Amino acid sequence: MNLLNLRKQAKQQFKELGIDTEDADFIIAETLNVPRTELPLINELTPKQTKQILKHINERKNKKPVSKIFKRAYFYGLKFKINNKVLSPRQDSEILIETALKYIKQNKIKSVLDLCTGSGCLAIAIKKNADVMLQAADISQAALRLAKTNAKLNDVEIKFVKSNMLTKIKNKFNLIVSNPPYIPTHEINLLEDEVKKFDPILALDGGKTGLDFYKIINDTAIKNLTPDGMLILEIGNEQKDDVINMFSNFKFVECVPDYGGLNRVLVFKLNKTET
């Protein structure tokens, strides 16, 4: 089959379904294992290549995310294995990495905990770009197995701990980062099919108001932070004020917007009176 015709056909179908047309080129390039820049140089596809590409295009038309189709994702310039047991990394979460690296450098932070690590993308991206001791925790054993695989894939050393939030964490850290579940339970069914059908509910459901895990962090993180300890948390766009007001044990430092200008990351510092 002619590749140019296939690309045009796939992009038109995606456009009609409200799917990003760039996903077509991504799918084709990933299937052929070539850079997207090389696609214009390819004329004809073999029957086997055509069959495989059409299979993946149909999966995407059924709203399966490309990260779940290929079981891999790219985040902060790194490659990660992904499955249906973990949240697919989002580009918006790269803001958390940039923010964490800024404060690690400014405050000469030496120890970091990634809470609700999932695929391990936050922990691994930080460890890859900063000289820190890093520990990562998750309640899901399946997620931890994948996170360990991703740490090995990206050649970083991280200690992974199975823990329901901070219950099994013994050490103290200069910084705790987390992208906890924060979708209100009643909104789960309103999410896009790409999310609600292919990401685990465990990584999405933040309880009735979406704030359950922030409350746990506020109530329990003190015991795992050094006197000058900090928190850097991802939030939903409309949760800024509620989370800031909830964190009475901490001093609010700043809110960092994502690439779309939405509230995405909150930074807190431990009140010294609480230590």
Protein backbone atom coordinates (compact mmCIF):
# COMPACT_ATOMS: atom_id res chain seq x y z
CA MET A 1 0.00 0.00 0.00
CA ASN A 2 1.15 3.55 -0.67
CA LEU A 3 2.22 5.21 2.60
CA LEU A 4 1.21 8.73 1.57
CA ASN A 5 -2.35 7.58 0.89
CA LEU A 6 -2.47 5.66 4.16
CA ARG A 7 -1.28 8.72 6.12
CA LYS A 8 -3.91 10.95 4.50
CA GLN A 9 -6.64 8.39 5.14
CA ALA A 10 -5.68 7.90 8.79
CA LYS A 11 -5.43 11.64 9.49
CA GLN A 12 -8.84 12.29 7.96
CA GLN A 13 -10.39 9.52 10.05
CA PHE A 14 -8.77 10.84 13.21
CA LYS A 15 -9.91 14.39 12.43
CA GLU A 16 -13.51 13.23 12.06
CA LEU A 17 -13.29 11.43 15.41
CA GLY A 18 -11.70 14.38 17.23
CA ILE A 19 -8.37 12.56 17.65
CA ASP A 20 -5.09 14.44 17.25
CA THR A 21 -4.08 13.91 13.62
CA GLU A 22 -0.41 13.82 14.65
CA ASP A 23 -1.15 10.48 16.29
CA ALA A 24 -1.35 8.98 12.79
CA ASP A 25 2.28 9.77 12.01
CA PHE A 26 3.32 8.66 15.49
CA ILE A 27 1.58 5.31 15.04
CA ILE A 28 3.07 4.74 11.59
CA ALA A 29 6.59 5.70 12.67
CA GLU A 30 6.43 3.56 15.81
CA THR A 31 5.13 0.58 13.85
CA LEU A 32 7.87 0.91 11.24
CA ASN A 33 10.46 1.77 13.93
CA VAL A 34 11.66 4.86 12.07
CA PRO A 35 11.78 8.57 12.98
CA ARG A 36 8.70 10.53 11.90
CA THR A 37 10.95 12.74 9.78
CA GLU A 38 11.67 9.75 7.56
CA LEU A 39 8.03 9.00 6.68
CA PRO A 40 8.01 11.22 3.55
CA LEU A 41 10.93 9.16 2.23
CA ILE A 42 8.96 5.90 2.31
CA ASN A 43 6.72 5.10 -0.67
CA GLU A 44 5.33 1.59 -0.49
CA LEU A 45 4.54 -0.63 2.47
CA THR A 46 4.66 -4.40 2.57
CA PRO A 47 1.36 -6.22 3.22
CA LYS A 48 2.61 -7.12 6.70
CA GLN A 49 3.48 -3.48 7.52
CA THR A 50 0.14 -2.30 6.19
CA LYS A 51 -1.78 -4.85 8.26
CA GLN A 52 0.08 -3.88 11.45
CA ILE A 53 -0.37 -0.15 10.90
CA LEU A 54 -4.10 -0.53 10.18
CA LYS A 55 -4.47 -2.63 13.33
CA HIS A 56 -2.92 0.14 15.44
CA ILE A 57 -4.93 2.86 13.67
CA ASN A 58 -8.15 1.00 14.47
CA GLU A 59 -7.09 0.67 18.10
CA ARG A 60 -6.55 4.44 18.24
CA LYS A 61 -9.94 5.03 16.56
CA ASN A 62 -11.40 3.06 19.47
CA LYS A 63 -9.74 5.64 21.75
CA LYS A 64 -6.90 3.44 22.99
CA PRO A 65 -3.98 5.81 23.78
CA VAL A 66 -0.82 5.38 21.72
CA SER A 67 1.12 4.69 24.93
CA LYS A 68 -1.13 1.72 25.64
CA ILE A 69 -1.06 0.54 22.01
CA PHE A 70 2.73 0.33 21.96
CA LYS A 71 3.18 -0.23 25.71
CA ARG A 72 5.71 2.59 25.85
CA ALA A 73 5.73 6.33 26.37
CA TYR A 74 8.15 9.21 26.21
CA PHE A 75 8.41 11.60 29.16
CA TYR A 76 10.95 14.34 29.82
CA GLY A 77 13.14 12.98 27.04
CA LEU A 78 13.15 9.46 28.46
CA LYS A 79 11.50 6.23 27.33
CA PHE A 80 9.22 4.23 29.61
CA LYS A 81 7.43 0.92 29.40
CA ILE A 82 3.71 1.29 30.08
CA ASN A 83 0.83 -1.11 30.71
CA ASN A 84 -2.76 -0.97 31.91
CA LYS A 85 -1.67 -1.14 35.56
CA VAL A 86 -0.28 2.41 35.56
CA LEU A 87 -1.26 5.89 34.49
CA SER A 88 0.23 6.90 31.15
CA PRO A 89 2.71 9.77 31.68
CA ARG A 90 1.32 13.18 30.70
CA GLN A 91 3.31 16.03 29.24
CA ASP A 92 1.72 18.36 31.80
CA SER A 93 3.48 16.41 34.56
CA GLU A 94 6.83 17.51 33.13
CA ILE A 95 6.12 20.83 34.88
CA LEU A 96 6.48 18.97 38.18
CA ILE A 97 9.90 17.72 37.10
CA GLU A 98 11.06 21.19 36.05
CA THR A 99 9.84 22.62 39.36
CA ALA A 100 11.45 19.89 41.43
CA LEU A 101 14.80 20.27 39.64
CA LYS A 102 14.70 24.02 40.24
CA TYR A 103 14.24 23.63 44.00
CA ILE A 104 16.70 20.74 44.22
CA LYS A 105 19.34 23.02 42.74
CA GLN A 106 18.36 26.12 44.74
CA ASN A 107 18.17 24.36 48.10
CA LYS A 108 20.89 21.76 47.51
CA ILE A 109 18.39 18.99 48.17
CA LYS A 110 19.95 15.56 48.63
CA SER A 111 17.01 13.22 49.29
CA VAL A 112 13.68 12.88 47.48
CA LEU A 113 10.64 10.65 47.87
CA ASP A 114 8.20 10.09 45.00
CA LEU A 115 4.83 9.13 46.44
CA CYS A 116 2.31 7.24 44.22
CA THR A 117 5.09 6.55 41.75
CA GLY A 118 3.10 4.45 39.24
CA SER A 119 5.33 3.87 36.19
CA GLY A 120 8.18 5.59 38.04
CA CYS A 121 8.37 8.40 35.47
CA LEU A 122 8.65 11.24 38.01
CA ALA A 123 11.26 9.51 40.16
CA ILE A 124 13.32 8.38 37.19
CA ALA A 125 13.25 11.76 35.45
CA ILE A 126 14.39 13.49 38.64
CA LYS A 127 17.10 10.93 39.35
CA LYS A 128 18.34 11.15 35.76
CA ASN A 129 18.78 14.93 36.10
CA ALA A 130 19.84 15.44 39.72
CA ASP A 131 22.39 13.96 42.11
CA VAL A 132 19.98 12.90 44.86
CA MET A 133 19.11 9.82 46.89
CA LEU A 134 15.71 8.82 45.59
CA GLN A 135 13.05 6.55 47.00
CA ALA A 136 9.69 5.81 45.36
CA ALA A 137 6.54 4.29 46.83
CA ASP A 138 3.25 2.87 45.55
CA ILE A 139 0.49 0.68 46.94
CA SER A 140 0.37 -1.37 43.74
CA GLN A 141 2.86 -4.22 43.45
CA ALA A 142 2.20 -4.39 39.70
CA ALA A 143 3.08 -0.71 39.34
CA LEU A 144 6.27 -1.18 41.35
CA ARG A 145 7.37 -4.07 39.15
CA LEU A 146 6.99 -1.87 36.09
CA ALA A 147 8.70 1.09 37.80
CA LYS A 148 11.69 -1.10 38.64
CA THR A 149 11.87 -2.20 35.00
CA ASN A 150 11.80 1.44 33.90
CA ALA A 151 14.53 2.38 36.36
CA LYS A 152 16.74 -0.35 34.92
CA LEU A 153 15.81 0.72 31.38
CA ASN A 154 16.95 4.27 32.14
CA ASP A 155 20.01 3.20 34.15
CA VAL A 156 19.13 4.85 37.47
CA GLU A 157 19.27 3.56 41.02
CA ILE A 158 16.08 4.05 43.02
CA LYS A 159 14.77 2.27 46.09
CA PHE A 160 11.18 1.17 45.56
CA VAL A 161 8.86 0.50 48.51
CA LYS A 162 5.37 -1.00 48.58
CA SER A 163 3.44 1.34 50.83
CA ASN A 164 -0.07 2.66 51.32
CA MET A 165 0.93 6.30 51.06
CA LEU A 166 3.53 6.93 53.80
CA THR A 167 2.65 4.08 56.16
CA LYS A 168 5.77 2.00 55.35
CA ILE A 169 8.17 4.88 54.75
CA LYS A 170 10.78 5.20 57.53
CA ASN A 171 13.29 7.73 56.20
CA LYS A 172 13.19 11.51 56.27
CA PHE A 173 13.53 13.46 53.04
CA ASN A 174 14.35 17.00 51.99
CA LEU A 175 11.62 16.79 49.35
CA ILE A 176 8.49 14.74 48.69
CA VAL A 177 6.95 14.89 45.21
CA SER A 178 3.64 13.33 44.27
CA ASN A 179 1.08 13.11 41.51
CA PRO A 180 -1.66 11.45 43.58
CA PRO A 181 -5.11 10.41 42.35
CA TYR A 182 -7.19 13.61 42.28
CA ILE A 183 -10.28 13.03 40.16
CA PRO A 184 -13.53 13.21 42.22
CA THR A 185 -15.24 9.81 42.19
CA HIS A 186 -18.40 11.11 40.51
CA GLU A 187 -16.36 12.57 37.64
CA ILE A 188 -14.57 9.34 36.67
CA ASN A 189 -17.32 8.34 34.23
CA LEU A 190 -17.18 11.79 32.64
CA LEU A 191 -13.51 11.44 31.68
CA GLU A 192 -12.44 10.87 28.09
CA ASP A 193 -12.48 7.24 26.96
CA GLU A 194 -8.68 7.36 26.58
CA VAL A 195 -8.45 7.79 30.34
CA LYS A 196 -11.38 6.00 31.95
CA LYS A 197 -11.09 2.89 29.75
CA PHE A 198 -7.34 2.44 29.75
CA ASP A 199 -5.90 3.98 32.93
CA PRO A 200 -6.39 2.20 36.28
CA ILE A 201 -9.13 3.66 38.49
CA LEU A 202 -6.73 3.27 41.43
CA ALA A 203 -4.52 5.96 39.89
CA LEU A 204 -7.42 8.32 39.14
CA ASP A 205 -9.98 8.22 41.96
CA GLY A 206 -9.28 10.87 44.60
CA GLY A 207 -12.44 10.25 46.61
CA LYS A 208 -15.67 12.22 46.86
CA THR A 209 -14.04 15.64 46.40
CA GLY A 210 -10.83 14.47 44.74
CA LEU A 211 -8.85 15.65 47.76
CA ASP A 212 -8.52 12.48 49.86
CA PHE A 213 -4.83 11.90 49.15
CA TYR A 214 -3.85 15.53 49.71
CA LYS A 215 -5.39 15.33 53.17
CA ILE A 216 -3.36 12.21 53.92
CA ILE A 217 -0.16 13.92 52.76
CA ASN A 218 -0.85 17.01 54.88
CA ASP A 219 -1.62 14.88 57.94
CA THR A 220 1.26 12.44 57.67
CA ALA A 221 4.17 13.91 55.67
CA ILE A 222 5.70 15.80 58.61
CA LYS A 223 7.22 12.62 60.06
CA ASN A 224 9.03 11.95 56.77
CA LEU A 225 10.42 15.43 56.16
CA THR A 226 13.55 17.12 57.42
CA PRO A 227 13.05 20.47 59.24
CA ASP A 228 13.49 22.36 55.97
CA GLY A 229 11.46 19.82 54.01
CA MET A 230 9.36 20.64 50.96
CA LEU A 231 6.39 19.21 49.07
CA ILE A 232 5.80 19.52 45.33
CA LEU A 233 2.38 18.22 44.28
CA GLU A 234 0.47 17.93 41.02
CA ILE A 235 -3.17 19.05 41.24
CA GLY A 236 -6.26 19.42 39.10
CA ASN A 237 -6.78 22.90 37.69
CA GLU A 238 -9.69 23.82 39.99
CA GLN A 239 -8.16 22.39 43.17
CA LYS A 240 -5.59 25.10 43.87
CA ASP A 241 -7.41 27.00 46.62
CA ASP A 242 -8.82 23.89 48.32
CA VAL A 243 -5.42 22.22 48.52
CA ILE A 244 -3.64 25.37 49.72
CA ASN A 245 -6.24 25.86 52.45
CA MET A 246 -5.98 22.21 53.45
CA PHE A 247 -2.21 22.31 53.97
CA SER A 248 -2.22 24.03 57.35
CA ASN A 249 0.99 22.27 58.37
CA PHE A 250 2.89 23.90 55.52
CA LYS A 251 3.74 27.29 54.12
CA PHE A 252 2.54 27.80 50.54
CA VAL A 253 5.41 28.81 48.24
CA GLU A 254 4.02 28.98 44.69
CA CYS A 255 1.63 27.60 42.08
CA VAL A 256 3.21 26.67 38.76
CA PRO A 257 0.96 26.51 35.66
CA ASP A 258 1.28 23.84 32.99
CA TYR A 259 2.01 24.50 29.31
CA GLY A 260 -1.66 25.34 28.75
CA GLY A 261 -1.71 27.92 31.53
CA LEU A 262 -3.75 25.75 33.92
CA ASN A 263 -2.93 25.39 37.63
CA ARG A 264 -0.82 22.23 37.79
CA VAL A 265 1.84 22.17 40.53
CA LEU A 266 1.83 23.46 44.10
CA VAL A 267 4.98 23.98 46.16
CA PHE A 268 4.93 23.94 49.97
CA LYS A 269 7.59 24.29 52.64
CA LEU A 270 7.34 22.76 56.08
CA ASN A 271 6.54 25.25 58.84
CA LYS A 272 9.51 25.10 61.22
CA THR A 273 7.10 25.32 64.15
CA GLU A 274 5.77 21.93 63.11
CA THR A 275 9.11 20.12 63.35
